Protein backbone atom coordinates (compact mmCIF):
# COMPACT_ATOMS: atom_id res chain seq x y z
CA MET A 1 6.04 14.46 16.38
CA ARG A 2 8.39 11.65 15.31
CA LEU A 3 6.64 9.16 13.01
CA ASP A 4 7.61 5.59 12.24
CA LEU A 5 5.81 5.68 8.90
CA LEU A 6 4.36 8.43 6.73
CA CYS A 7 2.18 7.37 3.80
CA VAL A 8 1.44 9.67 0.87
CA GLY A 9 -1.28 9.04 -1.67
CA GLU A 10 -4.95 8.62 -2.47
CA PRO A 11 -7.54 7.48 0.08
CA LEU A 12 -10.92 6.23 -1.14
CA VAL A 13 -14.28 5.30 0.28
CA GLU A 14 -15.21 1.71 -0.52
CA LEU A 15 -18.66 0.38 -1.37
CA ASN A 16 -19.01 -3.35 -1.69
CA GLN A 17 -21.50 -5.75 -3.25
CA ALA A 18 -20.93 -9.22 -1.86
CA ARG A 19 -23.44 -10.89 -4.23
CA PRO A 20 -25.06 -9.67 -7.46
CA GLU A 21 -28.56 -9.68 -5.98
CA GLU A 22 -27.58 -7.67 -2.90
CA PRO A 23 -27.44 -3.86 -2.57
CA TRP A 24 -24.24 -1.83 -2.46
CA VAL A 25 -23.21 -1.15 1.12
CA LEU A 26 -20.53 1.03 2.69
CA LEU A 27 -18.25 -1.59 4.18
CA GLY A 28 -15.13 0.39 4.61
CA PHE A 29 -12.36 2.34 3.00
CA GLY A 30 -9.61 1.91 0.48
CA GLY A 31 -6.77 3.53 -1.37
CA ASP A 32 -3.58 1.50 -1.24
CA THR A 33 -1.47 3.87 0.87
CA SER A 34 -4.31 4.54 3.32
CA ASN A 35 -4.80 0.79 3.69
CA CYS A 36 -1.07 0.39 4.28
CA ALA A 37 -1.22 3.11 6.94
CA VAL A 38 -4.06 1.34 8.77
CA ALA A 39 -2.31 -2.02 8.51
CA ALA A 40 0.88 -0.60 10.02
CA ALA A 41 -0.97 1.29 12.75
CA ARG A 42 -2.78 -1.88 13.83
CA LEU A 43 0.61 -3.52 14.12
CA GLY A 44 1.94 -0.87 16.48
CA LEU A 45 3.62 1.82 14.38
CA LYS A 46 3.20 5.57 14.81
CA VAL A 47 1.75 6.40 11.43
CA GLY A 48 0.90 9.62 9.62
CA TYR A 49 -1.00 10.19 6.39
CA LEU A 50 -0.56 12.99 3.84
CA THR A 51 -3.18 13.71 1.17
CA ARG A 52 -6.05 15.97 0.13
CA ILE A 53 -9.68 14.98 0.71
CA GLY A 54 -12.96 16.71 -0.07
CA ALA A 55 -14.87 18.82 2.43
CA ASP A 56 -17.67 16.27 2.11
CA ALA A 57 -19.24 13.33 3.94
CA PHE A 58 -16.78 10.81 2.45
CA GLY A 59 -13.91 12.98 3.66
CA ASP A 60 -15.49 13.03 7.12
CA PHE A 61 -15.70 9.22 7.04
CA LEU A 62 -12.00 8.95 6.21
CA LEU A 63 -10.99 11.34 8.99
CA ALA A 64 -13.06 9.31 11.43
CA LEU A 65 -11.30 6.14 10.25
CA TRP A 66 -7.84 7.62 10.78
CA ARG A 67 -8.82 8.90 14.22
CA ARG A 68 -10.08 5.44 15.24
CA GLU A 69 -6.90 3.80 14.00
CA GLY A 70 -4.62 6.32 15.73
CA ILE A 71 -3.23 7.68 12.44
CA ASP A 72 -1.97 11.25 12.54
CA HIS A 73 -3.75 13.38 9.93
CA ALA A 74 -2.37 16.81 10.75
CA ALA A 75 -1.06 17.15 7.19
CA VAL A 76 -4.33 16.15 5.48
CA ILE A 77 -5.82 19.05 3.50
CA ARG A 78 -9.60 19.52 3.14
CA ASP A 79 -10.47 20.74 -0.35
CA PRO A 80 -13.83 22.56 -0.60
CA THR A 81 -13.93 22.41 -4.41
CA ALA A 82 -13.05 18.76 -5.18
CA PRO A 83 -14.63 15.50 -4.02
CA THR A 84 -13.22 12.61 -2.06
CA GLY A 85 -12.73 9.62 -4.36
CA ALA A 86 -14.73 6.39 -4.09
CA TYR A 87 -14.69 2.91 -5.57
CA PHE A 88 -17.08 0.00 -5.91
CA VAL A 89 -16.22 -3.69 -5.54
CA ARG A 90 -18.37 -6.38 -7.15
CA HIS A 91 -17.79 -10.07 -6.37
CA GLY A 92 -18.56 -12.90 -8.77
CA PRO A 93 -17.39 -16.32 -9.99
CA GLU A 94 -14.29 -14.78 -11.58
CA GLY A 95 -13.29 -12.90 -8.43
CA HIS A 96 -13.72 -9.22 -7.65
CA SER A 97 -13.96 -6.29 -10.06
CA PHE A 98 -13.55 -2.58 -9.37
CA SER A 99 -15.19 0.62 -10.60
CA TYR A 100 -13.78 4.01 -9.58
CA LEU A 101 -15.03 7.56 -9.11
CA ARG A 102 -11.71 9.36 -8.78
CA GLN A 103 -11.32 11.73 -11.73
CA GLY A 104 -10.83 15.29 -10.47
CA SER A 105 -10.70 14.11 -6.87
CA ALA A 106 -9.15 16.15 -4.10
CA ALA A 107 -6.28 13.66 -3.83
CA SER A 108 -5.42 14.17 -7.50
CA ARG A 109 -4.81 17.85 -6.71
CA LEU A 110 -2.00 17.06 -4.26
CA GLY A 111 1.18 18.88 -5.26
CA PRO A 112 4.68 19.61 -3.93
CA GLU A 113 3.42 22.87 -2.43
CA ASP A 114 1.17 20.81 -0.11
CA LEU A 115 4.08 19.06 1.60
CA PRO A 116 4.94 20.36 5.09
CA GLU A 117 8.70 19.88 5.00
CA ALA A 118 9.27 19.42 8.74
CA TYR A 119 6.51 16.82 8.88
CA VAL A 120 7.90 14.84 5.93
CA ARG A 121 11.37 14.95 7.48
CA SER A 122 10.01 13.60 10.79
CA THR A 123 9.45 10.02 9.64
CA ARG A 124 11.62 6.91 9.76
CA ILE A 125 10.01 5.51 6.59
CA LEU A 126 8.16 7.34 3.83
CA HIS A 127 5.86 5.16 1.73
CA ALA A 128 4.10 5.86 -1.57
CA SER A 129 2.95 3.87 -4.56
CA ALA A 130 2.66 4.07 -8.32
CA ILE A 131 -1.04 4.85 -7.84
CA SER A 132 -0.01 7.85 -5.73
CA GLN A 133 1.83 9.07 -8.84
CA ALA A 134 -0.59 7.93 -11.54
CA ILE A 135 -3.60 9.96 -10.41
CA SER A 136 -2.11 13.25 -11.68
CA THR A 137 1.10 14.97 -12.74
CA SER A 138 1.05 17.17 -9.63
CA ALA A 139 0.63 14.14 -7.35
CA CYS A 140 3.51 12.43 -9.15
CA ASP A 141 5.69 15.48 -8.52
CA ALA A 142 4.59 15.55 -4.88
CA VAL A 143 5.74 11.95 -4.37
CA PHE A 144 9.16 12.65 -5.86
CA CYS A 145 9.48 15.78 -3.74
CA ALA A 146 8.50 13.85 -0.60
CA PHE A 147 11.09 11.17 -1.41
CA GLU A 148 13.81 13.80 -1.72
CA LEU A 149 12.84 15.53 1.54
CA ALA A 150 12.66 12.28 3.50
CA ARG A 151 15.90 10.89 2.07
CA ALA A 152 17.74 14.10 2.94
CA ALA A 153 16.58 13.65 6.54
CA GLY A 154 17.84 10.05 6.67
CA ALA A 155 14.50 8.25 6.26
CA LEU A 156 14.05 5.01 4.38
CA ILE A 157 11.97 5.15 1.20
CA SER A 158 9.37 2.46 0.57
CA TYR A 159 7.65 2.14 -2.81
CA ASP A 160 4.89 -0.15 -4.08
CA THR A 161 4.79 -0.51 -7.86
CA ASN A 162 0.99 -0.93 -7.73
CA TYR A 163 0.00 -0.55 -11.41
CA ARG A 164 -3.40 0.41 -12.79
CA ALA A 165 -3.53 0.38 -16.59
CA ARG A 166 -6.56 2.67 -16.71
CA LEU A 167 -4.70 5.46 -14.92
CA TRP A 168 -1.78 5.98 -17.29
CA PRO A 169 -0.15 4.62 -20.48
CA VAL A 170 2.45 1.87 -20.13
CA PRO A 171 5.44 3.93 -21.40
CA ARG A 172 4.86 6.67 -18.82
CA ALA A 173 4.22 4.12 -16.07
CA ARG A 174 7.44 2.30 -16.89
CA ALA A 175 9.51 5.48 -16.80
CA ILE A 176 8.01 6.83 -13.57
CA VAL A 177 8.07 3.49 -11.75
CA ARG A 178 11.70 2.89 -12.65
CA GLU A 179 12.75 6.35 -11.47
CA ALA A 180 10.79 6.01 -8.21
CA ALA A 181 12.11 2.49 -7.63
CA SER A 182 15.68 3.72 -8.07
CA MET A 183 15.10 6.09 -5.12
CA ALA A 184 13.65 3.36 -2.88
CA ASP A 185 15.37 1.41 -0.14
CA ILE A 186 12.45 -1.04 0.08
CA LEU A 187 10.63 -2.01 -3.10
CA LEU A 188 7.26 -3.74 -2.79
CA PRO A 189 6.22 -4.96 -6.26
CA GLY A 190 3.62 -7.51 -7.30
CA LEU A 191 4.37 -10.11 -9.95
CA GLU A 192 1.20 -9.19 -11.84
CA ASP A 193 2.42 -5.59 -12.11
CA MET A 194 5.79 -6.76 -13.36
CA ARG A 195 4.20 -8.75 -16.17
CA ALA A 196 2.82 -5.46 -17.50
CA LEU A 197 5.75 -3.18 -16.70
CA LEU A 198 8.69 -5.50 -17.43
CA ASP A 199 7.14 -8.09 -19.79
CA GLN A 200 8.58 -10.61 -17.35
CA ASP A 201 6.87 -13.22 -15.16
CA ASP A 202 9.72 -15.30 -13.76
CA PRO A 203 10.04 -14.20 -10.11
CA ASP A 204 13.82 -14.59 -9.90
CA ALA A 205 14.37 -12.74 -13.15
CA VAL A 206 12.07 -9.95 -11.95
CA VAL A 207 13.95 -9.65 -8.66
CA ASP A 208 17.32 -9.60 -10.46
CA ARG A 209 16.18 -6.74 -12.64
CA LEU A 210 14.61 -4.73 -9.83
CA LEU A 211 17.66 -5.05 -7.57
CA GLY A 212 19.68 -3.69 -10.47
CA TRP A 213 17.65 -0.47 -10.28
CA GLY A 214 19.04 0.30 -6.83
CA PRO A 215 16.76 -0.77 -3.94
CA LYS A 216 18.38 -2.70 -1.10
CA ILE A 217 15.34 -4.94 -0.52
CA VAL A 218 12.77 -6.32 -2.95
CA ALA A 219 9.70 -8.02 -1.48
CA LEU A 220 7.88 -9.46 -4.51
CA THR A 221 4.33 -10.66 -3.84
CA LEU A 222 3.21 -13.61 -5.95
CA GLY A 223 -0.54 -13.59 -5.27
CA ALA A 224 -1.75 -17.06 -4.38
CA GLU A 225 1.83 -18.35 -4.70
CA GLY A 226 3.24 -16.49 -1.68
CA ALA A 227 6.18 -14.09 -1.91
CA LEU A 228 9.87 -13.81 -2.77
CA ILE A 229 12.07 -11.68 -0.51
CA ALA A 230 15.46 -10.67 -1.90
CA THR A 231 18.54 -8.63 -1.13
CA ARG A 232 21.75 -8.54 -3.13
CA ASP A 233 23.15 -11.37 -0.98
CA ARG A 234 20.18 -13.63 -0.30
CA ARG A 235 16.67 -14.52 -1.37
CA VAL A 236 13.92 -16.56 0.26
CA ARG A 237 10.74 -17.95 -1.32
CA LEU A 238 7.75 -17.93 1.06
CA ALA A 239 4.98 -20.44 0.50
CA PRO A 240 1.37 -19.25 0.62
CA HIS A 241 -0.76 -19.84 3.70
CA PRO A 242 -3.97 -21.81 3.09
CA VAL A 243 -6.90 -19.79 4.45
CA GLN A 244 -10.63 -19.48 3.78
CA ALA A 245 -10.24 -16.46 1.48
CA VAL A 246 -13.32 -14.41 0.60
CA ASP A 247 -11.89 -11.06 -0.61
CA ALA A 248 -8.30 -10.24 -1.60
CA THR A 249 -8.96 -6.50 -2.02
CA GLY A 250 -6.49 -5.28 0.60
CA ALA A 251 -4.06 -8.19 0.74
CA GLY A 252 -1.19 -6.40 -0.97
CA ASP A 253 -1.62 -3.34 1.23
CA ALA A 254 -1.70 -5.55 4.32
CA PHE A 255 1.58 -7.07 3.14
CA ASP A 256 3.13 -3.61 2.73
CA GLY A 257 2.09 -2.34 6.16
CA ALA A 258 3.10 -5.56 7.90
CA PHE A 259 6.45 -5.74 6.11
CA LEU A 260 7.35 -2.18 7.11
CA ALA A 261 6.17 -2.68 10.69
CA GLU A 262 8.19 -5.84 11.18
CA TYR A 263 11.23 -4.50 9.36
CA LEU A 264 11.35 -1.49 11.68
CA ARG A 265 11.03 -3.85 14.66
CA THR A 266 13.66 -6.41 13.60
CA GLY A 267 15.81 -4.91 10.85
CA ASP A 268 15.48 -8.32 9.12
CA PRO A 269 13.81 -8.29 5.68
CA PHE A 270 13.25 -12.04 5.74
CA ALA A 271 11.53 -11.99 9.12
CA ALA A 272 9.52 -9.04 7.83
CA GLY A 273 8.54 -11.03 4.74
CA ARG A 274 7.41 -14.02 6.81
CA PHE A 275 5.30 -11.76 9.00
CA ALA A 276 3.84 -9.86 6.03
CA ASN A 277 3.02 -13.06 4.16
CA ALA A 278 0.89 -14.17 7.13
CA ALA A 279 -0.77 -10.77 7.52
CA ALA A 280 -1.71 -10.72 3.84
CA ALA A 281 -3.29 -14.16 4.11
CA LEU A 282 -5.38 -13.07 7.11
CA ALA A 283 -6.47 -9.93 5.25
CA THR A 284 -8.27 -12.08 2.66
CA THR A 285 -10.55 -13.74 5.22
CA GLY A 286 -13.09 -10.87 5.44
CA PHE A 287 -14.80 -8.46 3.07
CA GLY A 288 -13.37 -5.02 2.37
CA ALA A 289 -9.87 -3.60 2.25
CA VAL A 290 -9.64 -2.34 5.84
CA ALA A 291 -12.00 -4.32 8.07
CA PRO A 292 -10.01 -7.61 7.98
CA LEU A 293 -6.55 -6.06 8.40
CA PRO A 294 -5.08 -8.01 11.33
CA THR A 295 -3.53 -6.91 14.60
CA ARG A 296 -0.08 -8.02 15.72
CA ALA A 297 -1.61 -10.49 18.17
CA GLN A 298 -3.64 -12.08 15.38
CA VAL A 299 -0.64 -12.41 13.06
CA GLU A 300 1.58 -13.86 15.78
CA ALA A 301 -1.11 -16.36 16.82
CA PHE A 302 -1.58 -17.40 13.21
CA LEU A 303 2.16 -17.96 12.76
CA ARG A 304 2.34 -20.01 15.96
CA GLU A 305 -0.48 -22.23 14.69
CA ARG A 306 1.28 -22.66 11.35
CA ASP A 307 4.52 -23.57 13.12
CA LEU A 308 2.71 -26.21 15.18
CA GLU A 309 1.20 -27.70 12.03
CA HIS A 310 4.67 -28.17 10.64
């Protein structure tokens, strides 16, 4: 099976509390690379996912999600001795906060020996993130191994610098992220991550530094300020889209999936950035990381409306 996109990493079950007085409810699913996979599948790509999940109810829920979204999960391993990870989202006046149950999870046991080489070599783009590497040393090694296998087969490498301070110390994160970024064709960092990893918060300076590491394309998300798309020859600043935002949990992952989907369709990183910027805005208009991820028709309709307004 020839894939457009293969994502490697940590899927999670998501429980959400919209208001402090309300109970926790199972609204959906998370894990940045799984969210990216769903986002890209809804936009028309043939997507596969590679991970380990528990032989438990949460693992069953994730498999059902990937089936519904048309994501190939032939390479997903069920682990009878480790649980599927979960996280909790609480919303308040200061925004949303997260609590995780991921230590010792099945995904953290992923290692290079779990990679089916022919499957990894079958994709046009391989995508992973810093979280995929931070959850364990073996998972970190698996990502690097997957990058090497995919690159040798001519695939593009996509990497999100998604940084979580609680998962690993800054010196290790900086070293691993730089090495992974140097292997990437498409780098998908967030400005907030770069403040921690580079001690730098000027978008142009961040992009200059990241391009110097080797990627051909840097798509820097700026949160509520939009995005900056850059190659060695050109850069474009994208303004944010005003929407009725209620939950930004999966916005960055929506951006990643949409960018990769549109880049494969057009070969134009700036068109891909415009499309992804709109998809990320739409992803903030509903609760949960996966439920509000838009379809291609929704993104295109939104962009047409924005064009008419201007």
